[in-house]
Amino acid sequence: MQVENIDINKLIPYVNNARTHSEEQVVQIASSIREFGFNNPILVDKELSVIAGHGRLMAARKLDLKTVPCIRLEHLTDTQRRAYIIADNKLAMNADWDIELLGLELINLQNEDFDIDLLGFTEEEINNILNEEDGEIQVEKESVLDKLDVSIDEPRNQIEKHDKWILGDKHVLICADVLREWPLWIKELNQEDCLLLPYAGIYSALAKKAKDFKLVIVQPDTYIASLIIDRYQDINGTHSVRKAND
């Protein structure tokens, strides 16, 4: 497909477009275009009627752009064109987010002084993603206890926040938050043949493939981290684990 710059005044918005764009969203799109460039061409038919990109067209007018990048979809029948206008909007809405990974990306961008308001999320949405409470960021996740076939008795080993334990001759468990405490564990990954298991359960920590790699377990919950150590000892003996620097 060929991208061509077309005079903005020659483009014709689809009169029956069911997708609405608020003034706030148009401003967000305009801000995104100003920051990143016009990277998503408007889709038009052979008569330059807009198929997809009405919001981008409105934002382009707000930015006083004279031309915009477009792709002509001349192979569609009239029925296909009208159906695609709906499908293009709806299919994009059907996607979901991995909240933990999204939160990690937002934090990384913040740490690099990027204005995350340009990403299109509202302040409330960002707060919900990061779940900010008293300056601490906590990621909501399913309890690991729900997945473990172990006793809920108090663990033998008591692990504290920021502890680092050595499992066997090469594996490592670090009690830290994968989203907020990179310096405490990221250096462990600076080598080849290394596996990272964030929020690992006991059995994934003892997976067979881990025998051939250095395994780095990042577990923010002190109780679960203690259970992992106990279970490793049950399988490999009481002397199979030790606290680093002890």
Protein backbone atom coordinates (compact mmCIF):
# COMPACT_ATOMS: atom_id res chain seq x y z
CA MET A 1 0.00 0.00 0.00
CA GLN A 2 1.22 3.44 -0.88
CA VAL A 3 1.06 6.35 1.53
CA GLU A 4 0.36 9.71 -0.06
CA ASN A 5 -0.04 13.18 1.40
CA ILE A 6 -3.45 14.58 0.48
CA ASP A 7 -4.84 18.07 0.86
CA ILE A 8 -6.84 18.04 4.09
CA ASN A 9 -9.68 20.00 2.48
CA LYS A 10 -10.23 17.25 -0.11
CA LEU A 11 -11.04 14.62 2.52
CA ILE A 12 -14.72 13.90 3.16
CA PRO A 13 -15.78 12.62 6.61
CA TYR A 14 -18.25 9.72 6.47
CA VAL A 15 -21.65 11.20 7.31
CA ASN A 16 -22.89 8.03 9.07
CA ASN A 17 -19.77 7.49 11.15
CA ALA A 18 -21.06 6.06 14.44
CA ARG A 19 -17.78 6.59 16.31
CA THR A 20 -17.78 9.85 18.26
CA HIS A 21 -14.78 11.97 19.29
CA SER A 22 -14.99 14.37 22.20
CA GLU A 23 -13.11 17.64 22.18
CA GLU A 24 -10.85 16.27 24.93
CA GLN A 25 -9.94 13.21 22.84
CA VAL A 26 -9.25 15.34 19.76
CA VAL A 27 -6.87 17.45 21.85
CA GLN A 28 -5.16 14.25 23.03
CA ILE A 29 -4.77 13.02 19.45
CA ALA A 30 -3.40 16.40 18.39
CA SER A 31 -0.90 16.33 21.26
CA SER A 32 0.16 12.83 20.24
CA ILE A 33 0.68 13.92 16.61
CA ARG A 34 2.70 16.91 17.77
CA GLU A 35 4.91 14.71 19.96
CA PHE A 36 5.32 11.60 17.82
CA GLY A 37 4.43 12.74 14.31
CA PHE A 38 1.55 11.65 12.05
CA ASN A 39 2.45 7.96 12.06
CA ASN A 40 -0.96 6.40 11.43
CA PRO A 41 -2.28 7.31 7.96
CA ILE A 42 -5.95 8.07 7.38
CA LEU A 43 -7.74 5.41 5.32
CA VAL A 44 -9.87 6.72 2.45
CA ASP A 45 -11.79 5.30 -0.49
CA LYS A 46 -11.27 6.22 -4.14
CA GLU A 47 -13.45 9.31 -3.73
CA LEU A 48 -11.43 10.43 -0.68
CA SER A 49 -14.22 9.66 1.74
CA VAL A 50 -12.72 8.81 5.13
CA ILE A 51 -12.98 5.15 6.15
CA ALA A 52 -10.81 5.24 9.29
CA GLY A 53 -9.13 8.18 10.96
CA HIS A 54 -11.89 10.69 11.64
CA GLY A 55 -10.33 11.62 14.99
CA ARG A 56 -6.93 12.08 13.38
CA LEU A 57 -8.50 14.28 10.70
CA MET A 58 -10.14 16.47 13.35
CA ALA A 59 -6.84 16.70 15.22
CA ALA A 60 -5.03 17.63 11.99
CA ARG A 61 -7.46 20.51 11.46
CA LYS A 62 -6.83 21.68 15.01
CA LEU A 63 -3.10 21.67 14.25
CA ASP A 64 -3.70 23.61 11.02
CA LEU A 65 -2.05 20.91 8.92
CA LYS A 66 -2.38 21.45 5.17
CA THR A 67 -1.91 17.81 4.15
CA VAL A 68 -2.13 14.47 5.95
CA PRO A 69 -0.77 11.01 5.07
CA CYS A 70 -3.45 8.74 3.59
CA ILE A 71 -3.85 5.25 2.18
CA ARG A 72 -6.50 4.60 -0.48
CA LEU A 73 -8.53 1.43 -0.03
CA GLU A 74 -9.97 1.14 -3.51
CA HIS A 75 -10.56 -2.62 -3.44
CA LEU A 76 -13.50 -2.49 -1.02
CA THR A 77 -17.08 -2.73 -2.19
CA ASP A 78 -19.51 -0.17 -0.80
CA THR A 79 -20.85 -2.75 1.65
CA GLN A 80 -17.35 -3.75 2.76
CA ARG A 81 -16.38 -0.10 3.19
CA ARG A 82 -19.34 0.63 5.49
CA ALA A 83 -18.71 -2.57 7.46
CA TYR A 84 -14.99 -1.85 7.79
CA ILE A 85 -15.68 1.60 9.27
CA ILE A 86 -17.46 -0.15 12.15
CA ALA A 87 -15.04 -3.08 12.43
CA ASP A 88 -11.94 -0.85 12.52
CA ASN A 89 -13.25 0.93 15.60
CA LYS A 90 -14.76 -2.06 17.37
CA LEU A 91 -11.84 -4.46 16.92
CA ALA A 92 -9.48 -1.92 18.48
CA MET A 93 -11.81 -1.63 21.47
CA ASN A 94 -11.78 -5.41 21.99
CA ALA A 95 -8.11 -5.44 23.03
CA ASP A 96 -7.22 -5.52 26.72
CA TRP A 97 -4.22 -4.56 28.86
CA ASP A 98 -1.75 -6.56 30.90
CA ILE A 99 -2.02 -4.18 33.88
CA GLU A 100 1.23 -5.30 35.50
CA LEU A 101 3.29 -4.81 32.34
CA LEU A 102 1.46 -1.57 31.55
CA GLY A 103 2.23 -0.26 35.03
CA LEU A 104 5.89 -1.17 34.57
CA GLU A 105 6.03 0.69 31.25
CA LEU A 106 4.36 3.77 32.75
CA ILE A 107 6.84 3.83 35.62
CA ASN A 108 9.78 3.47 33.24
CA LEU A 109 8.50 6.37 31.13
CA GLN A 110 8.00 8.49 34.24
CA ASN A 111 11.53 7.73 35.37
CA GLU A 112 12.77 8.94 31.98
CA ASP A 113 10.85 12.23 32.48
CA PHE A 114 8.37 11.47 29.71
CA ASP A 115 4.99 13.17 29.98
CA ILE A 116 2.68 10.16 30.26
CA ASP A 117 -0.36 12.42 29.84
CA LEU A 118 0.44 12.15 26.13
CA LEU A 119 -0.47 8.45 26.22
CA GLY A 120 -4.19 9.23 26.36
CA PHE A 121 -4.98 7.92 29.86
CA THR A 122 -6.81 10.15 32.31
CA GLU A 123 -5.24 10.90 35.68
CA GLU A 124 -7.80 8.61 37.33
CA GLU A 125 -6.95 5.77 34.94
CA ILE A 126 -3.22 6.17 35.61
CA ASN A 127 -3.84 6.14 39.36
CA ASN A 128 -5.95 3.00 39.00
CA ILE A 129 -3.24 1.30 36.95
CA LEU A 130 -0.49 2.18 39.38
CA ASN A 131 -2.75 1.91 42.46
CA GLU A 132 -0.93 4.69 44.25
CA GLU A 133 -1.27 4.80 48.00
CA ASP A 134 0.91 7.07 50.12
CA GLY A 135 3.48 7.28 47.37
CA GLU A 136 3.83 3.50 47.09
CA ILE A 137 2.82 1.65 43.93
CA GLN A 138 1.18 -1.69 44.47
CA VAL A 139 0.07 -3.95 41.63
CA GLU A 140 -3.11 -5.88 42.26
CA LYS A 141 -2.63 -9.54 41.48
CA GLU A 142 -4.10 -12.92 42.26
CA SER A 143 -2.91 -14.36 45.53
CA VAL A 144 -0.16 -16.92 45.00
CA LEU A 145 -1.55 -18.86 47.97
CA ASP A 146 -4.51 -19.80 45.80
CA LYS A 147 -2.15 -21.75 43.54
CA LEU A 148 0.03 -23.52 46.12
CA ASP A 149 -0.39 -27.08 47.36
CA VAL A 150 1.30 -26.41 50.70
CA SER A 151 0.42 -25.98 54.33
CA ILE A 152 -0.50 -22.50 55.52
CA ASP A 153 1.48 -22.99 58.73
CA GLU A 154 4.09 -20.38 59.55
CA PRO A 155 7.22 -20.97 57.41
CA ARG A 156 10.40 -22.20 59.03
CA ASN A 157 12.52 -19.54 57.38
CA GLN A 158 11.58 -15.94 58.03
CA ILE A 159 12.48 -13.73 55.06
CA GLU A 160 12.42 -9.98 55.36
CA LYS A 161 11.91 -7.31 52.73
CA HIS A 162 14.99 -6.82 50.49
CA ASP A 163 16.58 -10.10 51.59
CA LYS A 164 18.57 -12.03 49.00
CA TRP A 165 18.82 -15.80 49.30
CA ILE A 166 20.95 -18.27 47.34
CA LEU A 167 19.21 -21.49 46.30
CA GLY A 168 21.49 -24.38 45.52
CA ASP A 169 24.70 -23.47 43.72
CA LYS A 170 23.33 -20.75 41.43
CA HIS A 171 19.66 -19.83 41.84
CA VAL A 172 18.62 -16.60 43.59
CA LEU A 173 15.52 -15.37 45.37
CA ILE A 174 15.17 -11.64 46.03
CA CYS A 175 12.36 -10.27 48.16
CA ALA A 176 11.62 -7.07 46.24
CA ASP A 177 8.97 -5.36 44.17
CA VAL A 178 9.56 -5.96 40.47
CA LEU A 179 7.95 -2.62 39.61
CA ARG A 180 9.66 -0.31 42.06
CA GLU A 181 12.97 -1.81 43.10
CA TRP A 182 14.96 -2.52 39.95
CA PRO A 183 18.39 -1.78 41.50
CA LEU A 184 17.91 -4.61 43.99
CA TRP A 185 17.64 -7.33 41.38
CA ILE A 186 18.21 -6.20 37.79
CA LYS A 187 21.99 -6.70 38.10
CA GLU A 188 21.28 -10.41 38.57
CA LEU A 189 20.11 -10.57 34.96
CA ASN A 190 23.28 -9.19 33.40
CA GLN A 191 24.47 -12.56 32.20
CA GLU A 192 23.60 -15.18 29.63
CA ASP A 193 21.40 -18.22 30.31
CA CYS A 194 19.43 -16.50 33.03
CA LEU A 195 15.70 -16.89 33.72
CA LEU A 196 13.58 -14.31 35.54
CA LEU A 197 10.46 -15.39 37.41
CA PRO A 198 8.60 -12.37 38.79
CA TYR A 199 6.01 -13.30 41.42
CA ALA A 200 7.00 -16.95 41.15
CA GLY A 201 5.08 -19.72 42.82
CA ILE A 202 6.86 -22.65 44.41
CA TYR A 203 6.48 -25.13 41.59
CA SER A 204 7.44 -22.74 38.83
CA ALA A 205 10.53 -21.94 40.88
CA LEU A 206 11.46 -25.61 40.81
CA ALA A 207 10.65 -26.20 37.14
CA LYS A 208 12.86 -28.74 35.42
CA LYS A 209 14.20 -26.25 32.91
CA ALA A 210 15.57 -24.16 35.77
CA LYS A 211 18.21 -26.84 36.32
CA ASP A 212 20.05 -25.64 33.22
CA PHE A 213 19.83 -21.91 33.91
CA LYS A 214 20.41 -19.42 36.63
CA LEU A 215 16.96 -18.69 38.04
CA VAL A 216 16.19 -15.26 39.50
CA ILE A 217 12.97 -15.19 41.51
CA VAL A 218 11.62 -11.74 42.38
CA GLN A 219 8.96 -12.17 45.06
CA PRO A 220 7.62 -9.08 46.87
CA ASP A 221 5.60 -11.02 49.46
CA THR A 222 7.76 -12.04 52.42
CA TYR A 223 5.46 -14.88 53.43
CA ILE A 224 5.42 -16.45 49.97
CA ALA A 225 9.17 -15.97 49.66
CA SER A 226 9.61 -17.85 52.94
CA LEU A 227 7.44 -20.71 51.66
CA ILE A 228 9.56 -20.95 48.51
CA ILE A 229 12.70 -21.28 50.63
CA ASP A 230 11.05 -23.92 52.84
CA ARG A 231 9.91 -25.94 49.84
CA TYR A 232 13.33 -25.78 48.23
CA GLN A 233 14.83 -27.10 51.46
CA ASP A 234 12.25 -29.91 51.61
CA ILE A 235 13.34 -31.10 48.17
CA ASN A 236 17.08 -30.36 48.27
CA GLY A 237 17.98 -30.52 51.98
CA THR A 238 18.32 -28.01 54.81
CA HIS A 239 21.73 -26.82 53.63
CA SER A 240 20.57 -26.10 50.06
CA VAL A 241 19.73 -22.45 50.80
CA ARG A 242 21.52 -19.62 52.51
CA LYS A 243 21.04 -15.94 52.95
CA ALA A 244 23.47 -13.90 50.87
CA ASN A 245 26.34 -12.37 52.83
CA ASP A 246 25.64 -14.59 55.85
